[in-house]
């Protein structure tokens, strides 16, 4: 699949006001070809996120760390983490079609077919040593309120690692809201910003951002 075709497919849901239900429908349609699309677009979000997890967790501790992959898609983050020695990885992904592909990787222990930030969530609080998300902040995806759930399900002292396109900070949901809310959570003592990294060519012709926070 060439870049032009991949961009045309992606443009179907990267539009203002797109609903979560429509996004799920599109992802389920894509599921069997999602990795091919991602490779065509040179999307490195999973690698960026997984590398940060590995950089923060020593090799000898990786087998005991409890990790959750948010907006896990087809499981690229989980596969990368498994290759780096992590073996206790759960996934949260609202698209059943994507989860069907993810489960075949063998990288995950438990899976949740759920959203974040839209009300009651069944993931237990203070459960994970590491929460990692690559690509979950985009048009019609996880709302700003998803930050509350991320903090809730991560253990005190645990890490929250987020990778996203810089351009998505201009989405209606996030513009003048996402970064200020992250900062407000820090002022309230909910988490501490450990690092922010900007990367060129996160996806073709797009800058990416990787945030790392420690939950208090």
C-alpha atoms as a PDB file:
ATOM      1  CA  UNK A   1       0.000   0.000   0.000  1.00  0.00           C
ATOM      2  CA  UNK A   2       1.523   3.335  -1.027  1.00  0.00           C
ATOM      3  CA  UNK A   3       1.567   6.514   1.049  1.00  0.00           C
ATOM      4  CA  UNK A   4      -1.070   8.247  -1.090  1.00  0.00           C
ATOM      5  CA  UNK A   5      -3.568   5.440  -0.545  1.00  0.00           C
ATOM      6  CA  UNK A   6      -2.767   5.270   3.168  1.00  0.00           C
ATOM      7  CA  UNK A   7      -3.247   9.031   3.590  1.00  0.00           C
ATOM      8  CA  UNK A   8      -6.621   8.778   1.824  1.00  0.00           C
ATOM      9  CA  UNK A   9      -7.728   6.041   4.206  1.00  0.00           C
ATOM     10  CA  UNK A  10      -6.557   7.928   7.311  1.00  0.00           C
ATOM     11  CA  UNK A  11      -8.317  11.102   6.138  1.00  0.00           C
ATOM     12  CA  UNK A  12     -11.660   9.298   6.519  1.00  0.00           C
ATOM     13  CA  UNK A  13     -11.605   9.789  10.276  1.00  0.00           C
ATOM     14  CA  UNK A  14      -9.146  12.620  10.920  1.00  0.00           C
ATOM     15  CA  UNK A  15     -11.863  15.205  10.465  1.00  0.00           C
ATOM     16  CA  UNK A  16     -13.260  17.711  13.002  1.00  0.00           C
ATOM     17  CA  UNK A  17     -16.228  16.465  14.963  1.00  0.00           C
ATOM     18  CA  UNK A  18     -15.780  12.807  14.092  1.00  0.00           C
ATOM     19  CA  UNK A  19     -17.575  10.643  16.655  1.00  0.00           C
ATOM     20  CA  UNK A  20     -15.975   7.840  18.674  1.00  0.00           C
ATOM     21  CA  UNK A  21     -18.491   5.364  17.236  1.00  0.00           C
ATOM     22  CA  UNK A  22     -17.465   6.303  13.699  1.00  0.00           C
ATOM     23  CA  UNK A  23     -13.800   5.981  14.610  1.00  0.00           C
ATOM     24  CA  UNK A  24     -14.392   2.478  16.033  1.00  0.00           C
ATOM     25  CA  UNK A  25     -16.238   1.468  12.882  1.00  0.00           C
ATOM     26  CA  UNK A  26     -13.370   2.684  10.714  1.00  0.00           C
ATOM     27  CA  UNK A  27     -10.714   0.956  12.818  1.00  0.00           C
ATOM     28  CA  UNK A  28     -12.633  -2.321  12.669  1.00  0.00           C
ATOM     29  CA  UNK A  29     -12.699  -2.021   8.877  1.00  0.00           C
ATOM     30  CA  UNK A  30      -8.956  -1.315   8.829  1.00  0.00           C
ATOM     31  CA  UNK A  31      -7.916  -3.988  11.294  1.00  0.00           C
ATOM     32  CA  UNK A  32      -6.510  -6.519   8.842  1.00  0.00           C
ATOM     33  CA  UNK A  33      -4.506  -3.840   6.994  1.00  0.00           C
ATOM     34  CA  UNK A  34      -3.679  -1.432   9.830  1.00  0.00           C
ATOM     35  CA  UNK A  35      -0.052  -2.474  10.212  1.00  0.00           C
ATOM     36  CA  UNK A  36       0.467  -2.201   6.465  1.00  0.00           C
ATOM     37  CA  UNK A  37      -1.002   1.314   6.513  1.00  0.00           C
ATOM     38  CA  UNK A  38       1.191   2.302   9.460  1.00  0.00           C
ATOM     39  CA  UNK A  39       4.352   1.063   7.764  1.00  0.00           C
ATOM     40  CA  UNK A  40       3.431   2.906   4.568  1.00  0.00           C
ATOM     41  CA  UNK A  41       3.053   6.146   6.546  1.00  0.00           C
ATOM     42  CA  UNK A  42       6.325   5.477   8.444  1.00  0.00           C
ATOM     43  CA  UNK A  43       4.445   5.798  11.714  1.00  0.00           C
ATOM     44  CA  UNK A  44       6.873   5.427  14.654  1.00  0.00           C
ATOM     45  CA  UNK A  45       4.567   6.170  17.591  1.00  0.00           C
ATOM     46  CA  UNK A  46       4.738   2.615  18.981  1.00  0.00           C
ATOM     47  CA  UNK A  47       8.521   2.544  18.763  1.00  0.00           C
ATOM     48  CA  UNK A  48       8.810   5.962  20.391  1.00  0.00           C
ATOM     49  CA  UNK A  49       6.570   4.930  23.276  1.00  0.00           C
ATOM     50  CA  UNK A  50       8.042   1.445  23.774  1.00  0.00           C
ATOM     51  CA  UNK A  51      11.605   2.761  23.703  1.00  0.00           C
ATOM     52  CA  UNK A  52      10.756   5.258  26.439  1.00  0.00           C
ATOM     53  CA  UNK A  53       9.246   2.504  28.583  1.00  0.00           C
ATOM     54  CA  UNK A  54      12.404   0.412  28.171  1.00  0.00           C
ATOM     55  CA  UNK A  55      14.632   3.404  28.918  1.00  0.00           C
ATOM     56  CA  UNK A  56      12.815   3.941  32.238  1.00  0.00           C
ATOM     57  CA  UNK A  57      12.597   0.317  33.419  1.00  0.00           C
ATOM     58  CA  UNK A  58      15.793  -1.708  34.056  1.00  0.00           C
ATOM     59  CA  UNK A  59      16.035  -5.063  32.311  1.00  0.00           C
ATOM     60  CA  UNK A  60      15.898  -7.025  35.564  1.00  0.00           C
ATOM     61  CA  UNK A  61      12.539  -5.476  36.545  1.00  0.00           C
ATOM     62  CA  UNK A  62      10.724  -5.791  33.231  1.00  0.00           C
ATOM     63  CA  UNK A  63       9.309  -9.252  33.849  1.00  0.00           C
ATOM     64  CA  UNK A  64       7.479  -8.115  36.983  1.00  0.00           C
ATOM     65  CA  UNK A  65       6.218  -4.726  35.761  1.00  0.00           C
ATOM     66  CA  UNK A  66       2.461  -4.612  35.138  1.00  0.00           C
ATOM     67  CA  UNK A  67       1.865  -2.613  31.952  1.00  0.00           C
ATOM     68  CA  UNK A  68      -1.299  -1.443  30.188  1.00  0.00           C
ATOM     69  CA  UNK A  69      -1.308  -0.407  26.534  1.00  0.00           C
ATOM     70  CA  UNK A  70      -4.066   2.159  25.914  1.00  0.00           C
ATOM     71  CA  UNK A  71      -5.619   2.448  22.427  1.00  0.00           C
ATOM     72  CA  UNK A  72      -3.596  -0.676  21.763  1.00  0.00           C
ATOM     73  CA  UNK A  73      -4.769  -1.224  18.186  1.00  0.00           C
ATOM     74  CA  UNK A  74      -3.207  -4.306  16.604  1.00  0.00           C
ATOM     75  CA  UNK A  75      -0.660  -4.635  19.384  1.00  0.00           C
ATOM     76  CA  UNK A  76       2.495  -3.066  17.961  1.00  0.00           C
ATOM     77  CA  UNK A  77       3.449  -1.574  21.321  1.00  0.00           C
ATOM     78  CA  UNK A  78       2.903  -4.900  23.069  1.00  0.00           C
ATOM     79  CA  UNK A  79       5.007  -6.796  20.551  1.00  0.00           C
ATOM     80  CA  UNK A  80       7.839  -4.312  20.971  1.00  0.00           C
ATOM     81  CA  UNK A  81       7.637  -4.463  24.767  1.00  0.00           C
ATOM     82  CA  UNK A  82       7.556  -8.253  24.766  1.00  0.00           C
ATOM     83  CA  UNK A  83      10.727  -8.263  22.671  1.00  0.00           C
ATOM     84  CA  UNK A  84      12.299  -5.986  25.304  1.00  0.00           C
ATOM     85  CA  UNK A  85      11.528  -8.403  28.144  1.00  0.00           C
ATOM     86  CA  UNK A  86       8.115  -7.234  29.396  1.00  0.00           C
ATOM     87  CA  UNK A  87       5.730 -10.138  29.928  1.00  0.00           C
ATOM     88  CA  UNK A  88       2.783  -8.772  31.957  1.00  0.00           C
ATOM     89  CA  UNK A  89       0.995  -6.510  29.472  1.00  0.00           C
ATOM     90  CA  UNK A  90      -2.725  -5.754  29.249  1.00  0.00           C
ATOM     91  CA  UNK A  91      -4.531  -3.891  26.472  1.00  0.00           C
ATOM     92  CA  UNK A  92      -7.409  -1.435  26.307  1.00  0.00           C
ATOM     93  CA  UNK A  93      -8.904  -0.928  22.849  1.00  0.00           C
ATOM     94  CA  UNK A  94     -12.540  -0.068  22.006  1.00  0.00           C
ATOM     95  CA  UNK A  95     -12.457  -1.624  18.518  1.00  0.00           C
ATOM     96  CA  UNK A  96     -13.209  -5.354  18.651  1.00  0.00           C
ATOM     97  CA  UNK A  97     -11.830  -5.758  15.138  1.00  0.00           C
ATOM     98  CA  UNK A  98      -8.469  -4.392  16.212  1.00  0.00           C
ATOM     99  CA  UNK A  99      -8.490  -6.517  19.385  1.00  0.00           C
ATOM    100  CA  UNK A 100      -9.097  -9.651  17.328  1.00  0.00           C
ATOM    101  CA  UNK A 101      -5.819  -8.949  15.525  1.00  0.00           C
ATOM    102  CA  UNK A 102      -4.040  -7.924  18.740  1.00  0.00           C
ATOM    103  CA  UNK A 103      -4.897 -11.169  20.527  1.00  0.00           C
ATOM    104  CA  UNK A 104      -3.110 -13.177  17.854  1.00  0.00           C
ATOM    105  CA  UNK A 105       0.203 -11.546  18.820  1.00  0.00           C
ATOM    106  CA  UNK A 106       0.318 -13.443  22.112  1.00  0.00           C
ATOM    107  CA  UNK A 107       1.844 -10.358  23.744  1.00  0.00           C
ATOM    108  CA  UNK A 108      -1.062  -9.522  26.051  1.00  0.00           C
ATOM    109  CA  UNK A 109      -2.544 -11.069  29.191  1.00  0.00           C
ATOM    110  CA  UNK A 110      -5.897  -9.278  29.620  1.00  0.00           C
ATOM    111  CA  UNK A 111      -7.895  -7.095  27.233  1.00  0.00           C
ATOM    112  CA  UNK A 112     -10.541  -4.429  27.789  1.00  0.00           C
ATOM    113  CA  UNK A 113     -12.952  -3.457  25.009  1.00  0.00           C
ATOM    114  CA  UNK A 114     -13.509   0.014  26.420  1.00  0.00           C
ATOM    115  CA  UNK A 115     -12.972   3.752  26.108  1.00  0.00           C
ATOM    116  CA  UNK A 116     -11.219   6.059  28.530  1.00  0.00           C
ATOM    117  CA  UNK A 117     -12.679   9.316  29.802  1.00  0.00           C
ATOM    118  CA  UNK A 118     -16.340   8.688  28.983  1.00  0.00           C
ATOM    119  CA  UNK A 119     -17.736   7.639  32.344  1.00  0.00           C
ATOM    120  CA  UNK A 120     -17.519   4.399  34.302  1.00  0.00           C
ATOM    121  CA  UNK A 121     -14.507   2.282  33.407  1.00  0.00           C
ATOM    122  CA  UNK A 122     -13.924  -1.269  34.645  1.00  0.00           C
ATOM    123  CA  UNK A 123     -10.111  -1.113  34.789  1.00  0.00           C
ATOM    124  CA  UNK A 124      -9.193  -1.249  38.519  1.00  0.00           C
ATOM    125  CA  UNK A 125      -7.524   1.793  40.055  1.00  0.00           C
ATOM    126  CA  UNK A 126      -3.861   1.800  41.150  1.00  0.00           C
ATOM    127  CA  UNK A 127      -3.191  -1.323  39.054  1.00  0.00           C
ATOM    128  CA  UNK A 128      -0.356  -0.581  36.625  1.00  0.00           C
ATOM    129  CA  UNK A 129       3.317   0.241  37.012  1.00  0.00           C
ATOM    130  CA  UNK A 130       3.362   1.635  33.472  1.00  0.00           C
ATOM    131  CA  UNK A 131       0.620   3.038  31.265  1.00  0.00           C
ATOM    132  CA  UNK A 132       1.665   3.549  27.646  1.00  0.00           C
ATOM    133  CA  UNK A 133      -0.334   5.064  24.806  1.00  0.00           C
ATOM    134  CA  UNK A 134       0.668   5.650  21.201  1.00  0.00           C
ATOM    135  CA  UNK A 135      -1.871   7.390  18.983  1.00  0.00           C
ATOM    136  CA  UNK A 136      -4.810   7.541  21.381  1.00  0.00           C
ATOM    137  CA  UNK A 137      -5.062  11.332  21.238  1.00  0.00           C
ATOM    138  CA  UNK A 138      -6.547  12.179  17.833  1.00  0.00           C
ATOM    139  CA  UNK A 139      -9.817  13.366  16.255  1.00  0.00           C
ATOM    140  CA  UNK A 140     -12.751  11.525  17.828  1.00  0.00           C
ATOM    141  CA  UNK A 141     -10.469   9.455  20.043  1.00  0.00           C
ATOM    142  CA  UNK A 142      -9.765   9.756  23.787  1.00  0.00           C
ATOM    143  CA  UNK A 143     -11.133  12.995  25.280  1.00  0.00           C
ATOM    144  CA  UNK A 144      -9.147  15.237  27.627  1.00  0.00           C
ATOM    145  CA  UNK A 145     -10.986  13.595  30.542  1.00  0.00           C
ATOM    146  CA  UNK A 146      -9.151  10.391  29.656  1.00  0.00           C
ATOM    147  CA  UNK A 147      -6.232  11.833  31.626  1.00  0.00           C
ATOM    148  CA  UNK A 148      -8.240  11.246  34.821  1.00  0.00           C
ATOM    149  CA  UNK A 149      -8.613   7.555  34.012  1.00  0.00           C
ATOM    150  CA  UNK A 150      -4.922   7.257  33.130  1.00  0.00           C
ATOM    151  CA  UNK A 151      -3.925   8.619  36.518  1.00  0.00           C
ATOM    152  CA  UNK A 152      -6.571   6.554  38.315  1.00  0.00           C
ATOM    153  CA  UNK A 153      -5.458   3.161  36.978  1.00  0.00           C
ATOM    154  CA  UNK A 154      -1.714   3.817  37.363  1.00  0.00           C
ATOM    155  CA  UNK A 155      -0.050   3.042  40.675  1.00  0.00           C
ATOM    156  CA  UNK A 156       1.480   5.867  42.730  1.00  0.00           C
ATOM    157  CA  UNK A 157       5.043   6.116  41.459  1.00  0.00           C
ATOM    158  CA  UNK A 158       4.033   4.546  38.158  1.00  0.00           C
ATOM    159  CA  UNK A 159       4.720   5.999  34.729  1.00  0.00           C
ATOM    160  CA  UNK A 160       2.343   7.387  32.097  1.00  0.00           C
ATOM    161  CA  UNK A 161       3.941   7.579  28.643  1.00  0.00           C
ATOM    162  CA  UNK A 162       2.017   9.206  25.785  1.00  0.00           C
ATOM    163  CA  UNK A 163       3.008   9.561  22.126  1.00  0.00           C
ATOM    164  CA  UNK A 164       0.955  11.649  19.690  1.00  0.00           C
ATOM    165  CA  UNK A 165       1.143  13.892  16.637  1.00  0.00           C
ATOM    166  CA  UNK A 166       1.857  17.517  17.480  1.00  0.00           C
ATOM    167  CA  UNK A 167      -0.736  18.623  14.929  1.00  0.00           C
ATOM    168  CA  UNK A 168      -3.490  16.897  16.907  1.00  0.00           C
ATOM    169  CA  UNK A 169      -3.044  19.455  19.666  1.00  0.00           C
ATOM    170  CA  UNK A 170      -5.077  21.677  17.330  1.00  0.00           C
ATOM    171  CA  UNK A 171      -8.055  19.280  17.327  1.00  0.00           C
ATOM    172  CA  UNK A 172     -11.279  20.773  18.666  1.00  0.00           C
ATOM    173  CA  UNK A 173     -11.140  18.496  21.719  1.00  0.00           C
ATOM    174  CA  UNK A 174      -7.543  19.334  22.621  1.00  0.00           C
ATOM    175  CA  UNK A 175      -6.885  22.889  21.459  1.00  0.00           C
ATOM    176  CA  UNK A 176      -6.073  25.065  24.463  1.00  0.00           C
ATOM    177  CA  UNK A 177      -7.300  22.229  26.679  1.00  0.00           C
ATOM    178  CA  UNK A 178      -5.083  19.142  26.665  1.00  0.00           C
ATOM    179  CA  UNK A 179      -1.749  20.693  27.651  1.00  0.00           C
ATOM    180  CA  UNK A 180      -3.397  23.053  30.185  1.00  0.00           C
ATOM    181  CA  UNK A 181      -5.196  20.074  31.741  1.00  0.00           C
ATOM    182  CA  UNK A 182      -1.967  18.085  31.962  1.00  0.00           C
ATOM    183  CA  UNK A 183      -0.388  21.093  33.670  1.00  0.00           C
ATOM    184  CA  UNK A 184      -3.366  21.481  36.015  1.00  0.00           C
ATOM    185  CA  UNK A 185      -3.050  17.849  37.092  1.00  0.00           C
ATOM    186  CA  UNK A 186       0.564  18.576  37.959  1.00  0.00           C
ATOM    187  CA  UNK A 187      -0.413  21.660  39.972  1.00  0.00           C
ATOM    188  CA  UNK A 188      -2.922  19.531  41.853  1.00  0.00           C
ATOM    189  CA  UNK A 189      -0.207  17.040  42.721  1.00  0.00           C
ATOM    190  CA  UNK A 190      -1.703  14.193  40.665  1.00  0.00           C
ATOM    191  CA  UNK A 191       1.432  13.561  38.616  1.00  0.00           C
ATOM    192  CA  UNK A 192       4.847  15.019  37.828  1.00  0.00           C
ATOM    193  CA  UNK A 193       6.185  15.727  34.357  1.00  0.00           C
ATOM    194  CA  UNK A 194       9.384  13.746  33.866  1.00  0.00           C
ATOM    195  CA  UNK A 195      10.170  14.582  30.239  1.00  0.00           C
ATOM    196  CA  UNK A 196       8.798  15.846  26.915  1.00  0.00           C
ATOM    197  CA  UNK A 197      10.401  14.973  23.595  1.00  0.00           C
ATOM    198  CA  UNK A 198       9.632  16.331  20.115  1.00  0.00           C
ATOM    199  CA  UNK A 199      10.537  14.098  17.174  1.00  0.00           C
ATOM    200  CA  UNK A 200      10.665  14.796  13.460  1.00  0.00           C
ATOM    201  CA  UNK A 201       8.939  12.396  11.046  1.00  0.00           C
ATOM    202  CA  UNK A 202       6.749  10.790  13.693  1.00  0.00           C
ATOM    203  CA  UNK A 203       4.641   9.953  10.695  1.00  0.00           C
ATOM    204  CA  UNK A 204       5.259  11.214   7.144  1.00  0.00           C
ATOM    205  CA  UNK A 205       5.778  15.002   7.278  1.00  0.00           C
ATOM    206  CA  UNK A 206       4.472  15.240  10.853  1.00  0.00           C
ATOM    207  CA  UNK A 207       6.197  16.130  14.135  1.00  0.00           C
ATOM    208  CA  UNK A 208       5.472  13.924  17.135  1.00  0.00           C
ATOM    209  CA  UNK A 209       5.490  14.500  20.892  1.00  0.00           C
ATOM    210  CA  UNK A 210       6.270  12.011  23.632  1.00  0.00           C
ATOM    211  CA  UNK A 211       5.214  12.900  27.181  1.00  0.00           C
ATOM    212  CA  UNK A 212       6.428  11.057  30.277  1.00  0.00           C
ATOM    213  CA  UNK A 213       4.737  11.590  33.661  1.00  0.00           C
ATOM    214  CA  UNK A 214       5.101   9.953  37.065  1.00  0.00           C
ATOM    215  CA  UNK A 215       1.911   9.475  39.044  1.00  0.00           C
ATOM    216  CA  UNK A 216       2.043  10.764  42.618  1.00  0.00           C
END
